[in-house]
Amino acid sequence: MSTWSDEWQHECEAGTVLAMSKAERDAFFNGSIDQEGKRKGHGIIAIGGQAAAEKLRGYMEKILEA
């Protein structure tokens, strides 16, 4: 697989997300809020939509199966 391919990019991203703690992973997908309840960051679902999150989860599952 070429390291310039989209497939490589997605696998690297999935590996990075898998290395996160559960709290970090939740914030990555869903965004985060500060102590005052204000949105601090947008997650992948808000930025790329549910389809992007599901695609990433699919890559994560492929890595876990390997």
PDB file of N, CA and C in Angstrom:
ATOM      1  N   MET A   1       0.843  -1.168   0.000  1.00  0.00           N
ATOM      2  CA  MET A   1       0.000   0.000   0.000  1.00  0.00           C
ATOM      3  C   MET A   1       0.892   1.237   0.000  1.00  0.00           C
ATOM      4  N   SER A   2       0.568   2.163  -0.860  1.00  0.00           N
ATOM      5  CA  SER A   2       1.337   3.384  -0.957  1.00  0.00           C
ATOM      6  C   SER A   2       1.105   4.268   0.262  1.00  0.00           C
ATOM      7  N   THR A   3       2.185   4.827   0.776  1.00  0.00           N
ATOM      8  CA  THR A   3       2.043   5.735   1.916  1.00  0.00           C
ATOM      9  C   THR A   3       1.458   7.083   1.504  1.00  0.00           C
ATOM     10  N   TRP A   4       1.196   7.263   0.227  1.00  0.00           N
ATOM     11  CA  TRP A   4       0.557   8.489  -0.271  1.00  0.00           C
ATOM     12  C   TRP A   4      -0.940   8.285  -0.494  1.00  0.00           C
ATOM     13  N   SER A   5      -1.446   7.087  -0.236  1.00  0.00           N
ATOM     14  CA  SER A   5      -2.839   6.774  -0.537  1.00  0.00           C
ATOM     15  C   SER A   5      -3.789   7.200   0.587  1.00  0.00           C
ATOM     16  N   ASP A   6      -5.050   7.350   0.221  1.00  0.00           N
ATOM     17  CA  ASP A   6      -6.082   7.657   1.215  1.00  0.00           C
ATOM     18  C   ASP A   6      -6.238   6.508   2.195  1.00  0.00           C
ATOM     19  N   GLU A   7      -6.094   5.284   1.686  1.00  0.00           N
ATOM     20  CA  GLU A   7      -6.198   4.093   2.538  1.00  0.00           C
ATOM     21  C   GLU A   7      -5.163   4.156   3.672  1.00  0.00           C
ATOM     22  N   TRP A   8      -3.950   4.524   3.341  1.00  0.00           N
ATOM     23  CA  TRP A   8      -2.879   4.648   4.344  1.00  0.00           C
ATOM     24  C   TRP A   8      -3.231   5.724   5.360  1.00  0.00           C
ATOM     25  N   GLN A   9      -3.726   6.855   4.882  1.00  0.00           N
ATOM     26  CA  GLN A   9      -4.106   7.953   5.770  1.00  0.00           C
ATOM     27  C   GLN A   9      -5.173   7.488   6.763  1.00  0.00           C
ATOM     28  N   HIS A  10      -6.187   6.790   6.265  1.00  0.00           N
ATOM     29  CA  HIS A  10      -7.274   6.338   7.127  1.00  0.00           C
ATOM     30  C   HIS A  10      -6.794   5.316   8.148  1.00  0.00           C
ATOM     31  N   GLU A  11      -5.904   4.430   7.730  1.00  0.00           N
ATOM     32  CA  GLU A  11      -5.382   3.443   8.672  1.00  0.00           C
ATOM     33  C   GLU A  11      -4.525   4.100   9.752  1.00  0.00           C
ATOM     34  N   CYS A  12      -3.739   5.096   9.389  1.00  0.00           N
ATOM     35  CA  CYS A  12      -2.931   5.816  10.376  1.00  0.00           C
ATOM     36  C   CYS A  12      -3.827   6.563  11.367  1.00  0.00           C
ATOM     37  N   GLU A  13      -4.863   7.207  10.849  1.00  0.00           N
ATOM     38  CA  GLU A  13      -5.795   7.922  11.714  1.00  0.00           C
ATOM     39  C   GLU A  13      -6.488   6.950  12.668  1.00  0.00           C
ATOM     40  N   ALA A  14      -6.922   5.812  12.155  1.00  0.00           N
ATOM     41  CA  ALA A  14      -7.587   4.817  12.988  1.00  0.00           C
ATOM     42  C   ALA A  14      -6.649   4.310  14.085  1.00  0.00           C
ATOM     43  N   GLY A  15      -5.401   4.069  13.755  1.00  0.00           N
ATOM     44  CA  GLY A  15      -4.425   3.624  14.744  1.00  0.00           C
ATOM     45  C   GLY A  15      -4.197   4.658  15.825  1.00  0.00           C
ATOM     46  N   THR A  16      -4.174   5.905  15.422  1.00  0.00           N
ATOM     47  CA  THR A  16      -3.999   6.997  16.388  1.00  0.00           C
ATOM     48  C   THR A  16      -5.185   7.075  17.331  1.00  0.00           C
ATOM     49  N   VAL A  17      -6.386   6.950  16.800  1.00  0.00           N
ATOM     50  CA  VAL A  17      -7.589   7.008  17.632  1.00  0.00           C
ATOM     51  C   VAL A  17      -7.640   5.809  18.573  1.00  0.00           C
ATOM     52  N   LEU A  18      -7.238   4.641  18.098  1.00  0.00           N
ATOM     53  CA  LEU A  18      -7.222   3.460  18.962  1.00  0.00           C
ATOM     54  C   LEU A  18      -6.240   3.611  20.121  1.00  0.00           C
ATOM     55  N   ALA A  19      -5.188   4.383  19.941  1.00  0.00           N
ATOM     56  CA  ALA A  19      -4.199   4.589  21.001  1.00  0.00           C
ATOM     57  C   ALA A  19      -4.689   5.566  22.074  1.00  0.00           C
ATOM     58  N   MET A  20      -5.793   6.260  21.801  1.00  0.00           N
ATOM     59  CA  MET A  20      -6.342   7.229  22.762  1.00  0.00           C
ATOM     60  C   MET A  20      -7.067   6.500  23.890  1.00  0.00           C
ATOM     61  N   SER A  21      -7.193   7.188  25.018  1.00  0.00           N
ATOM     62  CA  SER A  21      -8.017   6.663  26.108  1.00  0.00           C
ATOM     63  C   SER A  21      -9.483   6.759  25.692  1.00  0.00           C
ATOM     64  N   LYS A  22     -10.363   6.102  26.420  1.00  0.00           N
ATOM     65  CA  LYS A  22     -11.789   6.150  26.092  1.00  0.00           C
ATOM     66  C   LYS A  22     -12.308   7.581  26.141  1.00  0.00           C
ATOM     67  N   ALA A  23     -11.907   8.358  27.131  1.00  0.00           N
ATOM     68  CA  ALA A  23     -12.361   9.749  27.246  1.00  0.00           C
ATOM     69  C   ALA A  23     -11.880  10.581  26.058  1.00  0.00           C
ATOM     70  N   GLU A  24     -10.620  10.389  25.674  1.00  0.00           N
ATOM     71  CA  GLU A  24     -10.083  11.118  24.520  1.00  0.00           C
ATOM     72  C   GLU A  24     -10.807  10.717  23.239  1.00  0.00           C
ATOM     73  N   ARG A  25     -11.097   9.429  23.107  1.00  0.00           N
ATOM     74  CA  ARG A  25     -11.806   8.932  21.927  1.00  0.00           C
ATOM     75  C   ARG A  25     -13.214   9.495  21.857  1.00  0.00           C
ATOM     76  N   ASP A  26     -13.905   9.545  22.987  1.00  0.00           N
ATOM     77  CA  ASP A  26     -15.249  10.130  23.028  1.00  0.00           C
ATOM     78  C   ASP A  26     -15.214  11.594  22.615  1.00  0.00           C
ATOM     79  N   ALA A  27     -14.241  12.346  23.111  1.00  0.00           N
ATOM     80  CA  ALA A  27     -14.108  13.757  22.745  1.00  0.00           C
ATOM     81  C   ALA A  27     -13.763  13.901  21.266  1.00  0.00           C
ATOM     82  N   PHE A  28     -12.964  13.001  20.734  1.00  0.00           N
ATOM     83  CA  PHE A  28     -12.599  13.049  19.320  1.00  0.00           C
ATOM     84  C   PHE A  28     -13.830  12.872  18.443  1.00  0.00           C
ATOM     85  N   PHE A  29     -14.690  11.940  18.796  1.00  0.00           N
ATOM     86  CA  PHE A  29     -15.885  11.680  17.995  1.00  0.00           C
ATOM     87  C   PHE A  29     -17.006  12.685  18.262  1.00  0.00           C
ATOM     88  N   ASN A  30     -17.209  13.042  19.523  1.00  0.00           N
ATOM     89  CA  ASN A  30     -18.374  13.837  19.902  1.00  0.00           C
ATOM     90  C   ASN A  30     -18.078  15.294  20.226  1.00  0.00           C
ATOM     91  N   GLY A  31     -16.826  15.673  20.305  1.00  0.00           N
ATOM     92  CA  GLY A  31     -16.471  17.027  20.717  1.00  0.00           C
ATOM     93  C   GLY A  31     -16.334  17.078  22.234  1.00  0.00           C
ATOM     94  N   SER A  32     -16.015  18.243  22.742  1.00  0.00           N
ATOM     95  CA  SER A  32     -15.838  18.378  24.182  1.00  0.00           C
ATOM     96  C   SER A  32     -16.422  19.705  24.651  1.00  0.00           C
ATOM     97  N   ILE A  33     -16.643  19.767  25.963  1.00  0.00           N
ATOM     98  CA  ILE A  33     -17.148  20.997  26.565  1.00  0.00           C
ATOM     99  C   ILE A  33     -16.228  21.373  27.719  1.00  0.00           C
ATOM    100  N   ASP A  34     -16.202  22.656  28.045  1.00  0.00           N
ATOM    101  CA  ASP A  34     -15.358  23.090  29.156  1.00  0.00           C
ATOM    102  C   ASP A  34     -16.122  22.949  30.473  1.00  0.00           C
ATOM    103  N   GLN A  35     -15.533  23.405  31.563  1.00  0.00           N
ATOM    104  CA  GLN A  35     -16.143  23.255  32.877  1.00  0.00           C
ATOM    105  C   GLN A  35     -17.421  24.070  33.029  1.00  0.00           C
ATOM    106  N   GLU A  36     -17.589  25.083  32.214  1.00  0.00           N
ATOM    107  CA  GLU A  36     -18.783  25.923  32.272  1.00  0.00           C
ATOM    108  C   GLU A  36     -19.900  25.405  31.367  1.00  0.00           C
ATOM    109  N   GLY A  37     -19.651  24.296  30.682  1.00  0.00           N
ATOM    110  CA  GLY A  37     -20.650  23.709  29.811  1.00  0.00           C
ATOM    111  C   GLY A  37     -20.661  24.274  28.402  1.00  0.00           C
ATOM    112  N   LYS A  38     -19.665  25.064  28.056  1.00  0.00           N
ATOM    113  CA  LYS A  38     -19.574  25.623  26.706  1.00  0.00           C
ATOM    114  C   LYS A  38     -18.755  24.696  25.819  1.00  0.00           C
ATOM    115  N   ARG A  39     -19.139  24.638  24.545  1.00  0.00           N
ATOM    116  CA  ARG A  39     -18.428  23.784  23.603  1.00  0.00           C
ATOM    117  C   ARG A  39     -17.000  24.272  23.439  1.00  0.00           C
ATOM    118  N   LYS A  40     -16.066  23.351  23.675  1.00  0.00           N
ATOM    119  CA  LYS A  40     -14.640  23.653  23.581  1.00  0.00           C
ATOM    120  C   LYS A  40     -14.066  23.176  22.260  1.00  0.00           C
ATOM    121  N   GLY A  41     -14.603  22.107  21.735  1.00  0.00           N
ATOM    122  CA  GLY A  41     -14.097  21.559  20.484  1.00  0.00           C
ATOM    123  C   GLY A  41     -15.157  20.729  19.795  1.00  0.00           C
ATOM    124  N   HIS A  42     -15.118  20.720  18.501  1.00  0.00           N
ATOM    125  CA  HIS A  42     -16.060  19.929  17.719  1.00  0.00           C
ATOM    126  C   HIS A  42     -15.444  18.576  17.411  1.00  0.00           C
ATOM    127  N   GLY A  43     -16.257  17.568  17.447  1.00  0.00           N
ATOM    128  CA  GLY A  43     -15.789  16.225  17.142  1.00  0.00           C
ATOM    129  C   GLY A  43     -15.945  15.905  15.672  1.00  0.00           C
ATOM    130  N   ILE A  44     -15.461  14.740  15.310  1.00  0.00           N
ATOM    131  CA  ILE A  44     -15.498  14.322  13.911  1.00  0.00           C
ATOM    132  C   ILE A  44     -16.938  14.210  13.401  1.00  0.00           C
ATOM    133  N   ILE A  45     -17.885  13.869  14.281  1.00  0.00           N
ATOM    134  CA  ILE A  45     -19.280  13.771  13.852  1.00  0.00           C
ATOM    135  C   ILE A  45     -19.807  15.139  13.439  1.00  0.00           C
ATOM    136  N   ALA A  46     -19.488  16.176  14.200  1.00  0.00           N
ATOM    137  CA  ALA A  46     -19.947  17.527  13.868  1.00  0.00           C
ATOM    138  C   ALA A  46     -19.243  18.066  12.625  1.00  0.00           C
ATOM    139  N   ILE A  47     -18.015  17.673  12.410  1.00  0.00           N
ATOM    140  CA  ILE A  47     -17.235  18.201  11.283  1.00  0.00           C
ATOM    141  C   ILE A  47     -17.495  17.403  10.004  1.00  0.00           C
ATOM    142  N   GLY A  48     -17.405  16.085  10.074  1.00  0.00           N
ATOM    143  CA  GLY A  48     -17.507  15.253   8.873  1.00  0.00           C
ATOM    144  C   GLY A  48     -18.808  14.490   8.729  1.00  0.00           C
ATOM    145  N   GLY A  49     -19.632  14.520   9.767  1.00  0.00           N
ATOM    146  CA  GLY A  49     -20.897  13.808   9.728  1.00  0.00           C
ATOM    147  C   GLY A  49     -20.785  12.389  10.254  1.00  0.00           C
ATOM    148  N   GLN A  50     -21.935  11.788  10.433  1.00  0.00           N
ATOM    149  CA  GLN A  50     -22.004  10.424  10.961  1.00  0.00           C
ATOM    150  C   GLN A  50     -21.315   9.426  10.037  1.00  0.00           C
ATOM    151  N   ALA A  51     -21.420   9.651   8.725  1.00  0.00           N
ATOM    152  CA  ALA A  51     -20.792   8.731   7.764  1.00  0.00           C
ATOM    153  C   ALA A  51     -19.273   8.700   7.938  1.00  0.00           C
ATOM    154  N   ALA A  52     -18.659   9.854   8.181  1.00  0.00           N
ATOM    155  CA  ALA A  52     -17.209   9.907   8.387  1.00  0.00           C
ATOM    156  C   ALA A  52     -16.818   9.160   9.658  1.00  0.00           C
ATOM    157  N   ALA A  53     -17.621   9.303  10.698  1.00  0.00           N
ATOM    158  CA  ALA A  53     -17.337   8.601  11.949  1.00  0.00           C
ATOM    159  C   ALA A  53     -17.466   7.099  11.767  1.00  0.00           C
ATOM    160  N   GLU A  54     -18.486   6.666  11.051  1.00  0.00           N
ATOM    161  CA  GLU A  54     -18.673   5.232  10.810  1.00  0.00           C
ATOM    162  C   GLU A  54     -17.549   4.661   9.953  1.00  0.00           C
ATOM    163  N   LYS A  55     -17.089   5.421   8.977  1.00  0.00           N
ATOM    164  CA  LYS A  55     -15.977   4.969   8.133  1.00  0.00           C
ATOM    165  C   LYS A  55     -14.719   4.777   8.985  1.00  0.00           C
ATOM    166  N   LEU A  56     -14.445   5.728   9.877  1.00  0.00           N
ATOM    167  CA  LEU A  56     -13.285   5.623  10.759  1.00  0.00           C
ATOM    168  C   LEU A  56     -13.431   4.438  11.695  1.00  0.00           C
ATOM    169  N   ARG A  57     -14.622   4.244  12.236  1.00  0.00           N
ATOM    170  CA  ARG A  57     -14.851   3.085  13.113  1.00  0.00           C
ATOM    171  C   ARG A  57     -14.634   1.774  12.361  1.00  0.00           C
ATOM    172  N   GLY A  58     -14.988   1.747  11.083  1.00  0.00           N
ATOM    173  CA  GLY A  58     -14.744   0.557  10.270  1.00  0.00           C
ATOM    174  C   GLY A  58     -13.264   0.254  10.143  1.00  0.00           C
ATOM    175  N   TYR A  59     -12.456   1.277   9.929  1.00  0.00           N
ATOM    176  CA  TYR A  59     -11.010   1.089   9.864  1.00  0.00           C
ATOM    177  C   TYR A  59     -10.466   0.625  11.214  1.00  0.00           C
ATOM    178  N   MET A  60     -11.028   1.175  12.277  1.00  0.00           N
ATOM    179  CA  MET A  60     -10.584   0.776  13.621  1.00  0.00           C
ATOM    180  C   MET A  60     -10.889  -0.709  13.850  1.00  0.00           C
ATOM    181  N   GLU A  61     -12.055  -1.167  13.418  1.00  0.00           N
ATOM    182  CA  GLU A  61     -12.413  -2.572  13.573  1.00  0.00           C
ATOM    183  C   GLU A  61     -11.486  -3.473  12.766  1.00  0.00           C
ATOM    184  N   LYS A  62     -11.108  -3.038  11.536  1.00  0.00           N
ATOM    185  CA  LYS A  62     -10.173  -3.814  10.711  1.00  0.00           C
ATOM    186  C   LYS A  62      -8.851  -3.985  11.426  1.00  0.00           C
ATOM    187  N   ILE A  63      -8.369  -2.927  12.053  1.00  0.00           N
ATOM    188  CA  ILE A  63      -7.089  -2.998  12.769  1.00  0.00           C
ATOM    189  C   ILE A  63      -7.200  -3.951  13.951  1.00  0.00           C
ATOM    190  N   LEU A  64      -8.298  -3.866  14.691  1.00  0.00           N
ATOM    191  CA  LEU A  64      -8.475  -4.736  15.856  1.00  0.00           C
ATOM    192  C   LEU A  64      -8.582  -6.203  15.466  1.00  0.00           C
ATOM    193  N   GLU A  65      -9.168  -6.466  14.297  1.00  0.00           N
ATOM    194  CA  GLU A  65      -9.295  -7.852  13.829  1.00  0.00           C
ATOM    195  C   GLU A  65      -7.968  -8.443  13.378  1.00  0.00           C
ATOM    196  N   ALA A  66      -7.057  -7.586  12.940  1.00  0.00           N
ATOM    197  CA  ALA A  66      -5.770  -8.057  12.394  1.00  0.00           C
ATOM    198  C   ALA A  66      -4.830  -8.539  13.473  1.00  0.00           C
TER     199      ALA A  66
END
